[in-house]
C-alpha cells in the first residue's frame, strides 16, 4: 500500500456560534494546509473533537474532506473506537466518498483484555472495507490500552490484509522504533508527538501526524531541513522553539489550539464541551505571549 509521508495535520473541527459543525471552513483549512506543505489530514480525531461528534456529523465531515483530496494530499478518516458497528458504518461511508484510508483506536470503555482481543476487534472493522487502507490509532494516554504495538503488528501481519500502519501517539520510542523497522519497514508508522519530532527524525521516522502542523508547519519543515543538512545544533534549536510554543498549549488549556489557528488567520470557532474555548482576557493574555516566541516567523500563511 502507498505510504503517506511528511506532515499530516490533525485538523480542528470548525463550529459555529451554537456549536454546530461549520462545513464551510473545511475548504479554507484544506487550502491553508496545502499552501504550507502539509501532506494530508487525519480528520475527526482527538484534535477534531471526534468523540464529541455524532455519526451524521462525522459522515458530513468525511464527505466534505473527500472533496479536497489531491495528488500529494491524503485524507484519513478517524472512525472512533467504542462501537464496532459504528466504526463499520463510518468505514463504509469513507469508502463511498473516496477517502484514502480509515483509522480506529482501541475501545476505551469496554477495553480489550489482551492484544489478541484488540487485533480481532480491528479485524472485524477492517474486513468491512477490505480495499481501503486501515490504520490503528495508538493513544494510550486516553484509551488506557498500553499493549506493545510491536506485538500488535506481529499478530495483524497476514491476519488483516489491508492493515496499513499505526498512528503512534505515545512516548515509547523503543516500541515505535521496533514497529518502524518491522519486516523492512513494511508498515506506515506515523509519529504522533509533535514535541518529539526531531528525536523521531533521528531514528528514521518519515511520517508525522499532529495538531501543531495546522498552524506552524514551516517550523517543522525548517527542523527537518536543518537535520537533513547535517546542521544538528540548528535543528535542535528550532525544535526547542517548537517546544516553547507547545508549552502554551499546556498553560492555556484545551482551547489554545484553536487560539493558535485564529492567531494564524483562520478562526474555527469555539470548542464543544467538555473542552473550554480560549476567549476574553485569557485569549488576550495568550496573544501577548506570542511575540516572545518564533510564531510570527514560522506560522502557517495563506
C-alpha atoms as a PDB file:
ATOM      1  CA  UNK A   1       0.000   0.000   0.000  1.00  0.00           C
ATOM      2  CA  UNK A   2       1.130   3.534  -0.748  1.00  0.00           C
ATOM      3  CA  UNK A   3       2.651   5.191   2.299  1.00  0.00           C
ATOM      4  CA  UNK A   4       1.729   8.694   3.350  1.00  0.00           C
ATOM      5  CA  UNK A   5       4.843  10.740   4.138  1.00  0.00           C
ATOM      6  CA  UNK A   6       5.635  14.146   5.590  1.00  0.00           C
ATOM      7  CA  UNK A   7       3.446  16.250   7.863  1.00  0.00           C
ATOM      8  CA  UNK A   8      -0.157  15.150   8.276  1.00  0.00           C
ATOM      9  CA  UNK A   9      -2.347  17.654  10.075  1.00  0.00           C
ATOM     10  CA  UNK A  10      -4.833  16.635  12.762  1.00  0.00           C
ATOM     11  CA  UNK A  11      -7.408  19.326  11.881  1.00  0.00           C
ATOM     12  CA  UNK A  12      -9.736  21.050  14.305  1.00  0.00           C
ATOM     13  CA  UNK A  13     -13.427  20.758  13.595  1.00  0.00           C
ATOM     14  CA  UNK A  14     -14.931  24.195  12.986  1.00  0.00           C
ATOM     15  CA  UNK A  15     -18.049  25.044  14.963  1.00  0.00           C
ATOM     16  CA  UNK A  16     -20.474  27.931  14.659  1.00  0.00           C
ATOM     17  CA  UNK A  17     -21.879  30.063  17.453  1.00  0.00           C
ATOM     18  CA  UNK A  18     -24.214  27.286  18.655  1.00  0.00           C
ATOM     19  CA  UNK A  19     -21.586  24.539  18.394  1.00  0.00           C
ATOM     20  CA  UNK A  20     -22.970  23.305  15.079  1.00  0.00           C
ATOM     21  CA  UNK A  21     -20.370  21.888  12.692  1.00  0.00           C
ATOM     22  CA  UNK A  22     -19.339  24.543  10.172  1.00  0.00           C
ATOM     23  CA  UNK A  23     -18.582  22.625   6.987  1.00  0.00           C
ATOM     24  CA  UNK A  24     -17.805  25.830   5.100  1.00  0.00           C
ATOM     25  CA  UNK A  25     -14.427  26.067   6.873  1.00  0.00           C
ATOM     26  CA  UNK A  26     -13.134  22.744   5.528  1.00  0.00           C
ATOM     27  CA  UNK A  27     -12.203  24.233   2.148  1.00  0.00           C
ATOM     28  CA  UNK A  28     -10.289  27.040   3.867  1.00  0.00           C
ATOM     29  CA  UNK A  29      -8.492  24.551   6.095  1.00  0.00           C
ATOM     30  CA  UNK A  30      -7.516  22.361   3.151  1.00  0.00           C
ATOM     31  CA  UNK A  31      -6.159  25.372   1.239  1.00  0.00           C
ATOM     32  CA  UNK A  32      -4.294  26.580   4.334  1.00  0.00           C
ATOM     33  CA  UNK A  33      -2.613  23.214   4.899  1.00  0.00           C
ATOM     34  CA  UNK A  34      -1.703  22.613   1.270  1.00  0.00           C
ATOM     35  CA  UNK A  35      -0.064  26.042   0.936  1.00  0.00           C
ATOM     36  CA  UNK A  36       2.125  25.242   3.935  1.00  0.00           C
ATOM     37  CA  UNK A  37       3.426  21.894   2.729  1.00  0.00           C
ATOM     38  CA  UNK A  38       1.126  19.568   4.676  1.00  0.00           C
ATOM     39  CA  UNK A  39       0.692  16.108   3.113  1.00  0.00           C
ATOM     40  CA  UNK A  40      -2.828  15.378   4.323  1.00  0.00           C
ATOM     41  CA  UNK A  41      -5.242  15.320   7.241  1.00  0.00           C
ATOM     42  CA  UNK A  42      -6.352  12.894   9.942  1.00  0.00           C
ATOM     43  CA  UNK A  43      -9.971  14.028  10.127  1.00  0.00           C
ATOM     44  CA  UNK A  44     -12.274  13.774  13.166  1.00  0.00           C
ATOM     45  CA  UNK A  45      -9.525  12.607  15.517  1.00  0.00           C
ATOM     46  CA  UNK A  46      -8.663  13.832  19.006  1.00  0.00           C
ATOM     47  CA  UNK A  47      -7.837  17.359  17.833  1.00  0.00           C
ATOM     48  CA  UNK A  48     -11.017  17.383  15.748  1.00  0.00           C
ATOM     49  CA  UNK A  49     -13.090  16.544  18.859  1.00  0.00           C
ATOM     50  CA  UNK A  50     -14.182  13.329  17.172  1.00  0.00           C
ATOM     51  CA  UNK A  51     -15.519  11.815  20.393  1.00  0.00           C
ATOM     52  CA  UNK A  52     -17.946  14.759  20.657  1.00  0.00           C
ATOM     53  CA  UNK A  53     -19.278  14.386  17.107  1.00  0.00           C
ATOM     54  CA  UNK A  54     -22.389  12.490  16.085  1.00  0.00           C
ATOM     55  CA  UNK A  55     -22.384   9.810  13.415  1.00  0.00           C
ATOM     56  CA  UNK A  56     -24.071  12.149  10.919  1.00  0.00           C
ATOM     57  CA  UNK A  57     -21.589  14.938  11.652  1.00  0.00           C
ATOM     58  CA  UNK A  58     -18.653  12.619  11.035  1.00  0.00           C
ATOM     59  CA  UNK A  59     -20.188  11.435   7.775  1.00  0.00           C
ATOM     60  CA  UNK A  60     -20.690  15.032   6.666  1.00  0.00           C
ATOM     61  CA  UNK A  61     -17.087  15.900   7.542  1.00  0.00           C
ATOM     62  CA  UNK A  62     -15.762  12.829   5.720  1.00  0.00           C
ATOM     63  CA  UNK A  63     -17.754  13.833   2.640  1.00  0.00           C
ATOM     64  CA  UNK A  64     -16.507  17.414   2.790  1.00  0.00           C
ATOM     65  CA  UNK A  65     -12.856  16.498   3.332  1.00  0.00           C
ATOM     66  CA  UNK A  66     -13.064  13.992   0.462  1.00  0.00           C
ATOM     67  CA  UNK A  67     -13.634  16.903  -1.942  1.00  0.00           C
ATOM     68  CA  UNK A  68     -10.149  18.195  -1.187  1.00  0.00           C
ATOM     69  CA  UNK A  69      -8.121  15.056  -1.787  1.00  0.00           C
ATOM     70  CA  UNK A  70      -5.477  15.583  -4.414  1.00  0.00           C
ATOM     71  CA  UNK A  71      -2.117  14.293  -5.557  1.00  0.00           C
ATOM     72  CA  UNK A  72       0.077  14.645  -2.507  1.00  0.00           C
ATOM     73  CA  UNK A  73      -2.771  15.450  -0.109  1.00  0.00           C
ATOM     74  CA  UNK A  74      -4.378  12.428   1.554  1.00  0.00           C
ATOM     75  CA  UNK A  75      -7.412  12.224   3.820  1.00  0.00           C
ATOM     76  CA  UNK A  76      -7.584   9.631   6.603  1.00  0.00           C
ATOM     77  CA  UNK A  77     -10.941   9.366   8.352  1.00  0.00           C
ATOM     78  CA  UNK A  78     -10.956   8.536  12.051  1.00  0.00           C
ATOM     79  CA  UNK A  79     -13.762   6.145  12.946  1.00  0.00           C
ATOM     80  CA  UNK A  80     -13.702   6.200  16.742  1.00  0.00           C
ATOM     81  CA  UNK A  81     -13.410   3.073  18.826  1.00  0.00           C
ATOM     82  CA  UNK A  82     -16.198   2.430  21.321  1.00  0.00           C
ATOM     83  CA  UNK A  83     -18.708   0.815  18.944  1.00  0.00           C
ATOM     84  CA  UNK A  84     -17.601  -1.680  16.324  1.00  0.00           C
ATOM     85  CA  UNK A  85     -20.855  -1.277  14.406  1.00  0.00           C
ATOM     86  CA  UNK A  86     -20.499   2.489  14.266  1.00  0.00           C
ATOM     87  CA  UNK A  87     -16.921   2.076  13.055  1.00  0.00           C
ATOM     88  CA  UNK A  88     -18.041  -0.302  10.313  1.00  0.00           C
ATOM     89  CA  UNK A  89     -20.770   2.088   9.186  1.00  0.00           C
ATOM     90  CA  UNK A  90     -18.357   5.020   9.092  1.00  0.00           C
ATOM     91  CA  UNK A  91     -15.701   2.975   7.300  1.00  0.00           C
ATOM     92  CA  UNK A  92     -18.173   2.062   4.566  1.00  0.00           C
ATOM     93  CA  UNK A  93     -19.136   5.707   4.228  1.00  0.00           C
ATOM     94  CA  UNK A  94     -15.442   6.654   3.971  1.00  0.00           C
ATOM     95  CA  UNK A  95     -15.080   4.137   1.148  1.00  0.00           C
ATOM     96  CA  UNK A  96     -18.154   5.510  -0.636  1.00  0.00           C
ATOM     97  CA  UNK A  97     -16.945   9.112  -0.574  1.00  0.00           C
ATOM     98  CA  UNK A  98     -13.409   8.141  -1.588  1.00  0.00           C
ATOM     99  CA  UNK A  99     -11.190   8.732   1.437  1.00  0.00           C
ATOM    100  CA  UNK A 100      -7.625   7.424   1.229  1.00  0.00           C
ATOM    101  CA  UNK A 101      -7.734   5.430   4.474  1.00  0.00           C
ATOM    102  CA  UNK A 102      -9.506   4.987   7.800  1.00  0.00           C
ATOM    103  CA  UNK A 103      -8.292   4.549  11.368  1.00  0.00           C
ATOM    104  CA  UNK A 104      -9.704   3.468  14.694  1.00  0.00           C
ATOM    105  CA  UNK A 105      -8.418   3.406  18.253  1.00  0.00           C
ATOM    106  CA  UNK A 106      -8.753   0.794  20.977  1.00  0.00           C
ATOM    107  CA  UNK A 107     -12.131   0.590  22.686  1.00  0.00           C
ATOM    108  CA  UNK A 108     -11.620   2.661  25.816  1.00  0.00           C
ATOM    109  CA  UNK A 109     -14.698   1.862  27.920  1.00  0.00           C
ATOM    110  CA  UNK A 110     -15.072  -1.876  27.475  1.00  0.00           C
ATOM    111  CA  UNK A 111     -11.349  -2.367  26.910  1.00  0.00           C
ATOM    112  CA  UNK A 112      -9.798  -5.421  25.206  1.00  0.00           C
ATOM    113  CA  UNK A 113      -8.331  -7.830  27.754  1.00  0.00           C
ATOM    114  CA  UNK A 114      -5.408  -8.800  25.524  1.00  0.00           C
ATOM    115  CA  UNK A 115      -3.602  -7.672  22.412  1.00  0.00           C
ATOM    116  CA  UNK A 116      -5.183 -10.652  20.642  1.00  0.00           C
ATOM    117  CA  UNK A 117      -8.659  -9.326  21.510  1.00  0.00           C
ATOM    118  CA  UNK A 118      -7.657  -5.915  20.209  1.00  0.00           C
ATOM    119  CA  UNK A 119      -6.461  -7.449  16.934  1.00  0.00           C
ATOM    120  CA  UNK A 120      -9.751  -9.331  16.492  1.00  0.00           C
ATOM    121  CA  UNK A 121     -11.692  -6.107  17.065  1.00  0.00           C
ATOM    122  CA  UNK A 122      -9.653  -4.286  14.450  1.00  0.00           C
ATOM    123  CA  UNK A 123     -10.043  -7.195  12.041  1.00  0.00           C
ATOM    124  CA  UNK A 124     -13.823  -7.018  12.274  1.00  0.00           C
ATOM    125  CA  UNK A 125     -13.854  -3.378  11.196  1.00  0.00           C
ATOM    126  CA  UNK A 126     -11.070  -3.638   8.614  1.00  0.00           C
ATOM    127  CA  UNK A 127     -12.734  -6.613   6.912  1.00  0.00           C
ATOM    128  CA  UNK A 128     -15.818  -4.479   6.183  1.00  0.00           C
ATOM    129  CA  UNK A 129     -13.706  -2.350   3.796  1.00  0.00           C
ATOM    130  CA  UNK A 130     -11.041  -4.780   2.541  1.00  0.00           C
ATOM    131  CA  UNK A 131      -9.864  -2.484  -0.275  1.00  0.00           C
ATOM    132  CA  UNK A 132      -9.346   0.538   1.999  1.00  0.00           C
ATOM    133  CA  UNK A 133      -6.063   1.021   3.936  1.00  0.00           C
ATOM    134  CA  UNK A 134      -6.718   0.630   7.651  1.00  0.00           C
ATOM    135  CA  UNK A 135      -4.691   2.207  10.482  1.00  0.00           C
ATOM    136  CA  UNK A 136      -4.660   1.684  14.221  1.00  0.00           C
ATOM    137  CA  UNK A 137      -4.561   4.872  16.309  1.00  0.00           C
ATOM    138  CA  UNK A 138      -2.430   4.158  19.372  1.00  0.00           C
ATOM    139  CA  UNK A 139      -3.021   6.810  22.042  1.00  0.00           C
ATOM    140  CA  UNK A 140      -2.812   5.016  25.402  1.00  0.00           C
ATOM    141  CA  UNK A 141      -2.841   8.208  27.470  1.00  0.00           C
ATOM    142  CA  UNK A 142      -6.528   8.475  26.512  1.00  0.00           C
ATOM    143  CA  UNK A 143      -7.585   4.877  25.861  1.00  0.00           C
ATOM    144  CA  UNK A 144      -5.564   3.343  28.752  1.00  0.00           C
ATOM    145  CA  UNK A 145      -4.758   0.428  26.418  1.00  0.00           C
ATOM    146  CA  UNK A 146      -0.987   0.028  26.725  1.00  0.00           C
ATOM    147  CA  UNK A 147      -0.171  -3.135  24.755  1.00  0.00           C
ATOM    148  CA  UNK A 148       3.185  -3.080  22.909  1.00  0.00           C
ATOM    149  CA  UNK A 149       2.479  -2.130  19.323  1.00  0.00           C
ATOM    150  CA  UNK A 150       5.192  -4.410  18.002  1.00  0.00           C
ATOM    151  CA  UNK A 151       3.162  -7.310  19.385  1.00  0.00           C
ATOM    152  CA  UNK A 152       0.066  -5.989  17.609  1.00  0.00           C
ATOM    153  CA  UNK A 153       1.969  -5.817  14.318  1.00  0.00           C
ATOM    154  CA  UNK A 154       3.144  -9.401  14.721  1.00  0.00           C
ATOM    155  CA  UNK A 155      -0.452 -10.548  15.154  1.00  0.00           C
ATOM    156  CA  UNK A 156      -2.170  -8.496  12.443  1.00  0.00           C
ATOM    157  CA  UNK A 157       0.555  -9.156   9.855  1.00  0.00           C
ATOM    158  CA  UNK A 158      -1.152 -11.530   7.448  1.00  0.00           C
ATOM    159  CA  UNK A 159      -4.328 -11.526   9.538  1.00  0.00           C
ATOM    160  CA  UNK A 160      -5.575  -8.115   8.313  1.00  0.00           C
ATOM    161  CA  UNK A 161      -4.582  -7.783   4.634  1.00  0.00           C
ATOM    162  CA  UNK A 162      -5.457  -4.071   4.446  1.00  0.00           C
ATOM    163  CA  UNK A 163      -3.639  -3.115   7.656  1.00  0.00           C
ATOM    164  CA  UNK A 164      -1.579  -0.081   6.628  1.00  0.00           C
ATOM    165  CA  UNK A 165       0.122   1.009   9.831  1.00  0.00           C
ATOM    166  CA  UNK A 166      -0.164   2.804  13.147  1.00  0.00           C
ATOM    167  CA  UNK A 167      -0.657   6.391  14.226  1.00  0.00           C
ATOM    168  CA  UNK A 168       1.676   6.175  17.191  1.00  0.00           C
ATOM    169  CA  UNK A 169       0.895   8.766  19.876  1.00  0.00           C
ATOM    170  CA  UNK A 170       2.978   7.720  22.863  1.00  0.00           C
ATOM    171  CA  UNK A 171       6.470   8.354  24.226  1.00  0.00           C
ATOM    172  CA  UNK A 172       7.710   4.748  23.964  1.00  0.00           C
ATOM    173  CA  UNK A 173      10.399   5.414  21.375  1.00  0.00           C
ATOM    174  CA  UNK A 174      11.794   1.899  21.585  1.00  0.00           C
ATOM    175  CA  UNK A 175       8.455   0.291  20.728  1.00  0.00           C
ATOM    176  CA  UNK A 176       7.931   2.837  17.955  1.00  0.00           C
ATOM    177  CA  UNK A 177      11.380   2.045  16.525  1.00  0.00           C
ATOM    178  CA  UNK A 178      10.641  -1.685  16.564  1.00  0.00           C
ATOM    179  CA  UNK A 179       7.391  -1.051  14.692  1.00  0.00           C
ATOM    180  CA  UNK A 180       9.105   1.289  12.230  1.00  0.00           C
ATOM    181  CA  UNK A 181      11.678  -1.352  11.257  1.00  0.00           C
ATOM    182  CA  UNK A 182       9.312  -4.340  11.329  1.00  0.00           C
ATOM    183  CA  UNK A 183       9.745  -6.508   8.207  1.00  0.00           C
ATOM    184  CA  UNK A 184      11.951  -3.961   6.447  1.00  0.00           C
ATOM    185  CA  UNK A 185       9.601  -1.059   7.138  1.00  0.00           C
ATOM    186  CA  UNK A 186       6.571  -2.819   5.753  1.00  0.00           C
ATOM    187  CA  UNK A 187       4.079  -0.586   7.554  1.00  0.00           C
ATOM    188  CA  UNK A 188       3.431   3.155   7.640  1.00  0.00           C
ATOM    189  CA  UNK A 189       4.228   4.003  11.282  1.00  0.00           C
ATOM    190  CA  UNK A 190       3.210   7.619  11.812  1.00  0.00           C
ATOM    191  CA  UNK A 191       4.586   9.536  14.789  1.00  0.00           C
ATOM    192  CA  UNK A 192       2.025  11.480  16.828  1.00  0.00           C
ATOM    193  CA  UNK A 193       4.018  13.534  19.335  1.00  0.00           C
ATOM    194  CA  UNK A 194       4.936  16.896  17.801  1.00  0.00           C
ATOM    195  CA  UNK A 195       7.198  17.731  20.739  1.00  0.00           C
ATOM    196  CA  UNK A 196       9.454  14.783  19.805  1.00  0.00           C
ATOM    197  CA  UNK A 197       9.640  15.489  16.070  1.00  0.00           C
ATOM    198  CA  UNK A 198      13.437  15.796  15.923  1.00  0.00           C
ATOM    199  CA  UNK A 199      14.024  12.661  18.003  1.00  0.00           C
ATOM    200  CA  UNK A 200      11.854  10.738  15.556  1.00  0.00           C
ATOM    201  CA  UNK A 201      13.804  12.047  12.570  1.00  0.00           C
ATOM    202  CA  UNK A 202      16.967  10.756  14.243  1.00  0.00           C
ATOM    203  CA  UNK A 203      15.757   7.144  14.054  1.00  0.00           C
ATOM    204  CA  UNK A 204      14.391   7.446  10.525  1.00  0.00           C
ATOM    205  CA  UNK A 205      10.784   8.445  11.060  1.00  0.00           C
ATOM    206  CA  UNK A 206       9.220   9.989   7.976  1.00  0.00           C
ATOM    207  CA  UNK A 207       5.512  10.483   8.686  1.00  0.00           C
ATOM    208  CA  UNK A 208       4.171  12.766  11.399  1.00  0.00           C
ATOM    209  CA  UNK A 209       0.575  13.410  12.488  1.00  0.00           C
ATOM    210  CA  UNK A 210      -0.182  16.315  14.790  1.00  0.00           C
ATOM    211  CA  UNK A 211      -2.256  19.379  15.532  1.00  0.00           C
ATOM    212  CA  UNK A 212       0.551  21.949  15.568  1.00  0.00           C
ATOM    213  CA  UNK A 213       1.296  21.297  11.886  1.00  0.00           C
ATOM    214  CA  UNK A 214      -2.033  23.040  11.264  1.00  0.00           C
ATOM    215  CA  UNK A 215      -0.624  26.395  12.323  1.00  0.00           C
ATOM    216  CA  UNK A 216       3.195  26.181  12.333  1.00  0.00           C
ATOM    217  CA  UNK A 217       4.205  23.628   9.707  1.00  0.00           C
ATOM    218  CA  UNK A 218       7.029  25.883   8.402  1.00  0.00           C
ATOM    219  CA  UNK A 219       8.829  25.485  11.740  1.00  0.00           C
ATOM    220  CA  UNK A 220       8.870  21.686  11.409  1.00  0.00           C
ATOM    221  CA  UNK A 221       9.943  21.921   7.778  1.00  0.00           C
ATOM    222  CA  UNK A 222      12.862  24.044   8.999  1.00  0.00           C
ATOM    223  CA  UNK A 223      13.750  21.454  11.657  1.00  0.00           C
ATOM    224  CA  UNK A 224      13.785  18.714   9.035  1.00  0.00           C
ATOM    225  CA  UNK A 225      15.789  20.747   6.532  1.00  0.00           C
ATOM    226  CA  UNK A 226      18.430  21.556   9.158  1.00  0.00           C
ATOM    227  CA  UNK A 227      18.605  17.940  10.287  1.00  0.00           C
ATOM    228  CA  UNK A 228      18.970  16.587   6.747  1.00  0.00           C
ATOM    229  CA  UNK A 229      21.654  19.186   6.012  1.00  0.00           C
ATOM    230  CA  UNK A 230      23.648  17.919   8.990  1.00  0.00           C
ATOM    231  CA  UNK A 231      23.075  21.133  10.948  1.00  0.00           C
ATOM    232  CA  UNK A 232      22.199  19.333  14.161  1.00  0.00           C
ATOM    233  CA  UNK A 233      22.576  22.317  16.515  1.00  0.00           C
ATOM    234  CA  UNK A 234      20.288  24.408  14.349  1.00  0.00           C
ATOM    235  CA  UNK A 235      17.746  21.586  14.183  1.00  0.00           C
ATOM    236  CA  UNK A 236      17.827  21.226  17.969  1.00  0.00           C
ATOM    237  CA  UNK A 237      17.426  24.971  18.428  1.00  0.00           C
ATOM    238  CA  UNK A 238      14.391  25.043  16.142  1.00  0.00           C
ATOM    239  CA  UNK A 239      12.856  22.035  17.883  1.00  0.00           C
ATOM    240  CA  UNK A 240      13.361  23.883  21.163  1.00  0.00           C
ATOM    241  CA  UNK A 241      11.347  26.784  19.748  1.00  0.00           C
ATOM    242  CA  UNK A 242       8.579  24.349  18.791  1.00  0.00           C
ATOM    243  CA  UNK A 243       8.626  23.044  22.349  1.00  0.00           C
ATOM    244  CA  UNK A 244       8.287  26.578  23.719  1.00  0.00           C
ATOM    245  CA  UNK A 245       5.193  27.093  21.601  1.00  0.00           C
ATOM    246  CA  UNK A 246       3.747  23.730  22.637  1.00  0.00           C
ATOM    247  CA  UNK A 247       4.111  24.682  26.305  1.00  0.00           C
ATOM    248  CA  UNK A 248       1.465  27.363  25.673  1.00  0.00           C
ATOM    249  CA  UNK A 249      -0.989  24.561  24.889  1.00  0.00           C
ATOM    250  CA  UNK A 250      -0.431  23.217  28.397  1.00  0.00           C
ATOM    251  CA  UNK A 251      -0.511  26.649  30.000  1.00  0.00           C
ATOM    252  CA  UNK A 252      -3.758  27.863  28.423  1.00  0.00           C
ATOM    253  CA  UNK A 253      -5.606  24.558  28.210  1.00  0.00           C
ATOM    254  CA  UNK A 254      -7.801  22.746  25.743  1.00  0.00           C
ATOM    255  CA  UNK A 255      -8.921  25.733  23.674  1.00  0.00           C
ATOM    256  CA  UNK A 256      -5.468  27.088  22.927  1.00  0.00           C
ATOM    257  CA  UNK A 257      -5.041  25.018  19.768  1.00  0.00           C
ATOM    258  CA  UNK A 258      -7.877  26.881  18.085  1.00  0.00           C
ATOM    259  CA  UNK A 259      -6.436  30.100  19.542  1.00  0.00           C
ATOM    260  CA  UNK A 260      -3.209  29.387  17.626  1.00  0.00           C
ATOM    261  CA  UNK A 261      -5.238  28.835  14.455  1.00  0.00           C
ATOM    262  CA  UNK A 262      -7.078  32.126  14.971  1.00  0.00           C
ATOM    263  CA  UNK A 263      -3.779  33.937  15.549  1.00  0.00           C
ATOM    264  CA  UNK A 264      -2.525  32.453  12.272  1.00  0.00           C
ATOM    265  CA  UNK A 265      -5.547  33.854  10.444  1.00  0.00           C
ATOM    266  CA  UNK A 266      -8.156  31.092  10.480  1.00  0.00           C
ATOM    267  CA  UNK A 267     -10.941  31.367  13.079  1.00  0.00           C
ATOM    268  CA  UNK A 268     -12.568  27.949  13.563  1.00  0.00           C
ATOM    269  CA  UNK A 269     -14.992  28.980  16.281  1.00  0.00           C
ATOM    270  CA  UNK A 270     -15.446  27.600  19.789  1.00  0.00           C
ATOM    271  CA  UNK A 271     -14.793  24.152  21.229  1.00  0.00           C
ATOM    272  CA  UNK A 272     -17.531  21.780  22.368  1.00  0.00           C
ATOM    273  CA  UNK A 273     -17.934  20.856  25.984  1.00  0.00           C
ATOM    274  CA  UNK A 274     -16.219  19.439  27.961  1.00  0.00           C
ATOM    275  CA  UNK A 275     -13.411  21.428  26.301  1.00  0.00           C
ATOM    276  CA  UNK A 276     -13.092  25.146  27.016  1.00  0.00           C
ATOM    277  CA  UNK A 277     -12.835  27.928  24.468  1.00  0.00           C
ATOM    278  CA  UNK A 278      -9.976  30.372  24.970  1.00  0.00           C
ATOM    279  CA  UNK A 279     -11.580  33.806  24.858  1.00  0.00           C
ATOM    280  CA  UNK A 280     -11.753  37.171  26.574  1.00  0.00           C
ATOM    281  CA  UNK A 281      -8.907  38.119  28.879  1.00  0.00           C
ATOM    282  CA  UNK A 282      -7.256  34.714  28.609  1.00  0.00           C
ATOM    283  CA  UNK A 283      -7.141  34.970  24.818  1.00  0.00           C
ATOM    284  CA  UNK A 284      -5.632  38.450  25.087  1.00  0.00           C
ATOM    285  CA  UNK A 285      -3.027  37.149  27.559  1.00  0.00           C
ATOM    286  CA  UNK A 286      -2.238  34.343  25.123  1.00  0.00           C
ATOM    287  CA  UNK A 287      -1.726  36.848  22.289  1.00  0.00           C
ATOM    288  CA  UNK A 288       0.630  38.876  24.452  1.00  0.00           C
ATOM    289  CA  UNK A 289       2.893  35.831  24.872  1.00  0.00           C
ATOM    290  CA  UNK A 290       3.199  35.045  21.168  1.00  0.00           C
ATOM    291  CA  UNK A 291       5.694  37.867  20.366  1.00  0.00           C
ATOM    292  CA  UNK A 292       8.127  36.195  22.789  1.00  0.00           C
ATOM    293  CA  UNK A 293       8.201  33.141  20.524  1.00  0.00           C
ATOM    294  CA  UNK A 294       9.028  32.447  16.864  1.00  0.00           C
ATOM    295  CA  UNK A 295       5.335  32.050  15.996  1.00  0.00           C
ATOM    296  CA  UNK A 296       5.112  35.102  13.759  1.00  0.00           C
ATOM    297  CA  UNK A 297       8.178  33.985  11.805  1.00  0.00           C
ATOM    298  CA  UNK A 298       7.098  30.369  11.332  1.00  0.00           C
ATOM    299  CA  UNK A 299       3.305  30.368  11.415  1.00  0.00           C
ATOM    300  CA  UNK A 300       1.257  28.975   8.536  1.00  0.00           C
ATOM    301  CA  UNK A 301       0.205  31.579   5.987  1.00  0.00           C
ATOM    302  CA  UNK A 302      -2.393  31.834   3.236  1.00  0.00           C
END
